[in-house]
């Protein structure tokens, strides 16, 4: 579960970073 949580967190960070880039 923890590894899956880390993957989801990384995806959220990438999405947020992409949104901030805009």
C-alpha atoms as a PDB file:
ATOM      1  CA  UNK A   1       0.000   0.000   0.000  1.00  0.00           C
ATOM      2  CA  UNK A   2       2.848   2.385   0.830  1.00  0.00           C
ATOM      3  CA  UNK A   3       4.561   1.977  -2.542  1.00  0.00           C
ATOM      4  CA  UNK A   4       1.235   2.595  -4.272  1.00  0.00           C
ATOM      5  CA  UNK A   5       0.702   5.706  -2.144  1.00  0.00           C
ATOM      6  CA  UNK A   6       4.136   6.966  -3.187  1.00  0.00           C
ATOM      7  CA  UNK A   7       3.283   6.484  -6.860  1.00  0.00           C
ATOM      8  CA  UNK A   8       0.015   8.382  -6.460  1.00  0.00           C
ATOM      9  CA  UNK A   9       1.826  11.152  -4.580  1.00  0.00           C
ATOM     10  CA  UNK A  10       4.436  11.445  -7.331  1.00  0.00           C
ATOM     11  CA  UNK A  11       1.704  11.650  -9.958  1.00  0.00           C
ATOM     12  CA  UNK A  12      -0.068  14.377  -8.000  1.00  0.00           C
ATOM     13  CA  UNK A  13       3.196  16.309  -7.663  1.00  0.00           C
ATOM     14  CA  UNK A  14       3.785  16.066 -11.409  1.00  0.00           C
ATOM     15  CA  UNK A  15       0.241  17.258 -12.140  1.00  0.00           C
ATOM     16  CA  UNK A  16       0.540  20.161  -9.701  1.00  0.00           C
ATOM     17  CA  UNK A  17       3.966  21.087 -11.063  1.00  0.00           C
ATOM     18  CA  UNK A  18       2.565  21.044 -14.594  1.00  0.00           C
ATOM     19  CA  UNK A  19      -0.342  23.237 -13.521  1.00  0.00           C
ATOM     20  CA  UNK A  20       2.049  25.716 -11.897  1.00  0.00           C
ATOM     21  CA  UNK A  21       4.148  25.749 -15.064  1.00  0.00           C
ATOM     22  CA  UNK A  22       1.103  27.046 -16.906  1.00  0.00           C
END
